[in-house]
Amino acid sequence: MHTFLDSSSLTEEQLSIQKLALDFAKQKLEPHSIEWDRKHYFPIDVVKEAANYGFGGIYASTDYGGCGLKRLDASLIFEALATGDVPITALLTVHNMCSWIIDE
């Protein structure tokens, strides 16, 4: 598993979150990424599925439907998702930023 952090410094929860995101990237993003780019296709169904995993409100508070995770957790998720599709990951990072701003 690729990570910029020494995985021995991560908690079991962080490793689990990272694995969830890596699995999602490998199964739902990577197999289609090139085709989406070629066809200029936006996979709204996959984005909605990512949101169902909590990837749409990672560090927004649970009071507003977010996951209430830390920025490090978000970094692990975004890094993992980017292994499958960078544009979808970029969209999710911006969405998370906006969710956090509204939350604040």
C-alpha atoms as a PDB file:
ATOM      1  CA  MET A   1       0.000   0.000   0.000  1.00  0.00           C
ATOM      2  CA  HIS A   2       1.400   3.374  -1.017  1.00  0.00           C
ATOM      3  CA  THR A   3       1.399   6.187   1.494  1.00  0.00           C
ATOM      4  CA  PHE A   4       3.591   9.192   2.154  1.00  0.00           C
ATOM      5  CA  LEU A   5       3.246   8.646   5.888  1.00  0.00           C
ATOM      6  CA  ASP A   6       4.887   5.935   7.890  1.00  0.00           C
ATOM      7  CA  SER A   7       1.876   3.654   8.308  1.00  0.00           C
ATOM      8  CA  SER A   8       3.169   2.506  11.696  1.00  0.00           C
ATOM      9  CA  SER A   9       2.220   5.951  13.046  1.00  0.00           C
ATOM     10  CA  LEU A  10      -1.423   5.555  12.008  1.00  0.00           C
ATOM     11  CA  THR A  11      -4.178   4.289  14.272  1.00  0.00           C
ATOM     12  CA  GLU A  12      -6.188   1.191  13.426  1.00  0.00           C
ATOM     13  CA  GLU A  13      -9.129   3.456  12.562  1.00  0.00           C
ATOM     14  CA  GLN A  14      -6.984   5.506  10.182  1.00  0.00           C
ATOM     15  CA  LEU A  15      -5.650   2.367   8.512  1.00  0.00           C
ATOM     16  CA  SER A  16      -9.218   1.110   8.123  1.00  0.00           C
ATOM     17  CA  ILE A  17     -10.370   4.418   6.625  1.00  0.00           C
ATOM     18  CA  GLN A  18      -7.405   4.426   4.271  1.00  0.00           C
ATOM     19  CA  LYS A  19      -8.140   0.861   3.164  1.00  0.00           C
ATOM     20  CA  LEU A  20     -11.795   1.713   2.535  1.00  0.00           C
ATOM     21  CA  ALA A  21     -10.772   4.615   0.301  1.00  0.00           C
ATOM     22  CA  LEU A  22      -8.127   2.542  -1.510  1.00  0.00           C
ATOM     23  CA  ASP A  23     -10.639  -0.238  -2.148  1.00  0.00           C
ATOM     24  CA  PHE A  24     -13.184   2.275  -3.453  1.00  0.00           C
ATOM     25  CA  ALA A  25     -10.553   3.806  -5.733  1.00  0.00           C
ATOM     26  CA  LYS A  26      -9.472   0.432  -7.070  1.00  0.00           C
ATOM     27  CA  GLN A  27     -12.981  -0.915  -7.635  1.00  0.00           C
ATOM     28  CA  LYS A  28     -15.028   2.160  -8.590  1.00  0.00           C
ATOM     29  CA  LEU A  29     -12.617   4.751  -9.971  1.00  0.00           C
ATOM     30  CA  GLU A  30      -9.514   3.250 -11.523  1.00  0.00           C
ATOM     31  CA  PRO A  31     -11.243   0.864 -13.977  1.00  0.00           C
ATOM     32  CA  HIS A  32     -13.176   3.760 -15.549  1.00  0.00           C
ATOM     33  CA  SER A  33     -10.904   6.779 -15.124  1.00  0.00           C
ATOM     34  CA  ILE A  34      -9.357   6.823 -18.604  1.00  0.00           C
ATOM     35  CA  GLU A  35     -12.707   6.287 -20.325  1.00  0.00           C
ATOM     36  CA  TRP A  36     -14.328   9.099 -18.315  1.00  0.00           C
ATOM     37  CA  ASP A  37     -11.540  11.444 -19.367  1.00  0.00           C
ATOM     38  CA  ARG A  38     -11.724  10.436 -23.020  1.00  0.00           C
ATOM     39  CA  LYS A  39     -15.495  10.844 -23.158  1.00  0.00           C
ATOM     40  CA  HIS A  40     -15.599  13.955 -20.930  1.00  0.00           C
ATOM     41  CA  TYR A  41     -18.056  12.012 -18.772  1.00  0.00           C
ATOM     42  CA  PHE A  42     -18.965  13.020 -15.215  1.00  0.00           C
ATOM     43  CA  PRO A  43     -19.950   9.906 -13.211  1.00  0.00           C
ATOM     44  CA  ILE A  44     -22.539  11.414 -10.866  1.00  0.00           C
ATOM     45  CA  ASP A  45     -23.586   7.938  -9.714  1.00  0.00           C
ATOM     46  CA  VAL A  46     -20.042   7.209  -8.532  1.00  0.00           C
ATOM     47  CA  VAL A  47     -19.795  10.597  -6.804  1.00  0.00           C
ATOM     48  CA  LYS A  48     -23.061   9.850  -4.987  1.00  0.00           C
ATOM     49  CA  GLU A  49     -21.680   6.460  -3.971  1.00  0.00           C
ATOM     50  CA  ALA A  50     -18.530   8.147  -2.650  1.00  0.00           C
ATOM     51  CA  ALA A  51     -20.776  10.457  -0.611  1.00  0.00           C
ATOM     52  CA  ASN A  52     -22.538   7.398   0.825  1.00  0.00           C
ATOM     53  CA  TYR A  53     -19.145   6.278   2.131  1.00  0.00           C
ATOM     54  CA  GLY A  54     -18.785   9.636   3.881  1.00  0.00           C
ATOM     55  CA  PHE A  55     -16.244  11.044   1.439  1.00  0.00           C
ATOM     56  CA  GLY A  56     -18.388  14.149   0.913  1.00  0.00           C
ATOM     57  CA  GLY A  57     -18.236  15.448   4.481  1.00  0.00           C
ATOM     58  CA  ILE A  58     -15.038  14.050   5.910  1.00  0.00           C
ATOM     59  CA  TYR A  59     -14.156  16.824   8.355  1.00  0.00           C
ATOM     60  CA  ALA A  60     -17.553  18.488   8.623  1.00  0.00           C
ATOM     61  CA  SER A  61     -19.076  17.935  12.043  1.00  0.00           C
ATOM     62  CA  THR A  62     -21.475  15.120  12.718  1.00  0.00           C
ATOM     63  CA  ASP A  63     -24.039  17.762  13.777  1.00  0.00           C
ATOM     64  CA  TYR A  64     -24.442  18.592  10.089  1.00  0.00           C
ATOM     65  CA  GLY A  65     -24.173  15.102   8.615  1.00  0.00           C
ATOM     66  CA  GLY A  66     -20.400  14.988   8.290  1.00  0.00           C
ATOM     67  CA  CYS A  67     -18.009  12.368   9.581  1.00  0.00           C
ATOM     68  CA  GLY A  68     -16.230  14.652  12.051  1.00  0.00           C
ATOM     69  CA  LEU A  69     -12.816  13.303  11.112  1.00  0.00           C
ATOM     70  CA  LYS A  70      -9.497  15.145  11.259  1.00  0.00           C
ATOM     71  CA  ARG A  71      -7.531  16.718   8.403  1.00  0.00           C
ATOM     72  CA  LEU A  72      -5.015  13.874   8.536  1.00  0.00           C
ATOM     73  CA  ASP A  73      -7.864  11.417   7.973  1.00  0.00           C
ATOM     74  CA  ALA A  74      -8.985  13.489   4.982  1.00  0.00           C
ATOM     75  CA  SER A  75      -5.441  13.472   3.610  1.00  0.00           C
ATOM     76  CA  LEU A  76      -5.327   9.690   3.841  1.00  0.00           C
ATOM     77  CA  ILE A  77      -8.671   9.425   2.060  1.00  0.00           C
ATOM     78  CA  PHE A  78      -7.806  11.911  -0.683  1.00  0.00           C
ATOM     79  CA  GLU A  79      -4.417  10.339  -1.311  1.00  0.00           C
ATOM     80  CA  ALA A  80      -6.037   6.909  -1.587  1.00  0.00           C
ATOM     81  CA  LEU A  81      -8.854   8.099  -3.871  1.00  0.00           C
ATOM     82  CA  ALA A  82      -6.361   9.882  -6.138  1.00  0.00           C
ATOM     83  CA  THR A  83      -4.780   6.526  -6.947  1.00  0.00           C
ATOM     84  CA  GLY A  84      -7.998   5.760  -8.822  1.00  0.00           C
ATOM     85  CA  ASP A  85      -9.041   9.092 -10.341  1.00  0.00           C
ATOM     86  CA  VAL A  86      -7.544  12.520  -9.711  1.00  0.00           C
ATOM     87  CA  PRO A  87     -10.428  14.627 -11.118  1.00  0.00           C
ATOM     88  CA  ILE A  88     -13.058  12.947  -8.919  1.00  0.00           C
ATOM     89  CA  THR A  89     -10.725  13.301  -5.938  1.00  0.00           C
ATOM     90  CA  ALA A  90     -10.263  17.007  -6.716  1.00  0.00           C
ATOM     91  CA  LEU A  91     -14.031  17.450  -6.831  1.00  0.00           C
ATOM     92  CA  LEU A  92     -14.367  15.749  -3.438  1.00  0.00           C
ATOM     93  CA  THR A  93     -11.643  17.909  -1.885  1.00  0.00           C
ATOM     94  CA  VAL A  94     -13.424  21.082  -2.998  1.00  0.00           C
ATOM     95  CA  HIS A  95     -16.776  19.724  -1.840  1.00  0.00           C
ATOM     96  CA  ASN A  96     -15.273  18.932   1.566  1.00  0.00           C
ATOM     97  CA  MET A  97     -13.794  22.413   1.820  1.00  0.00           C
ATOM     98  CA  CYS A  98     -17.189  23.971   1.027  1.00  0.00           C
ATOM     99  CA  SER A  99     -18.958  21.654   3.482  1.00  0.00           C
ATOM    100  CA  TRP A 100     -16.509  22.649   6.187  1.00  0.00           C
ATOM    101  CA  ILE A 101     -16.963  26.365   5.450  1.00  0.00           C
ATOM    102  CA  ILE A 102     -20.732  26.020   5.734  1.00  0.00           C
ATOM    103  CA  ASP A 103     -20.306  23.967   8.901  1.00  0.00           C
ATOM    104  CA  GLU A 104     -18.102  26.649  10.437  1.00  0.00           C
END
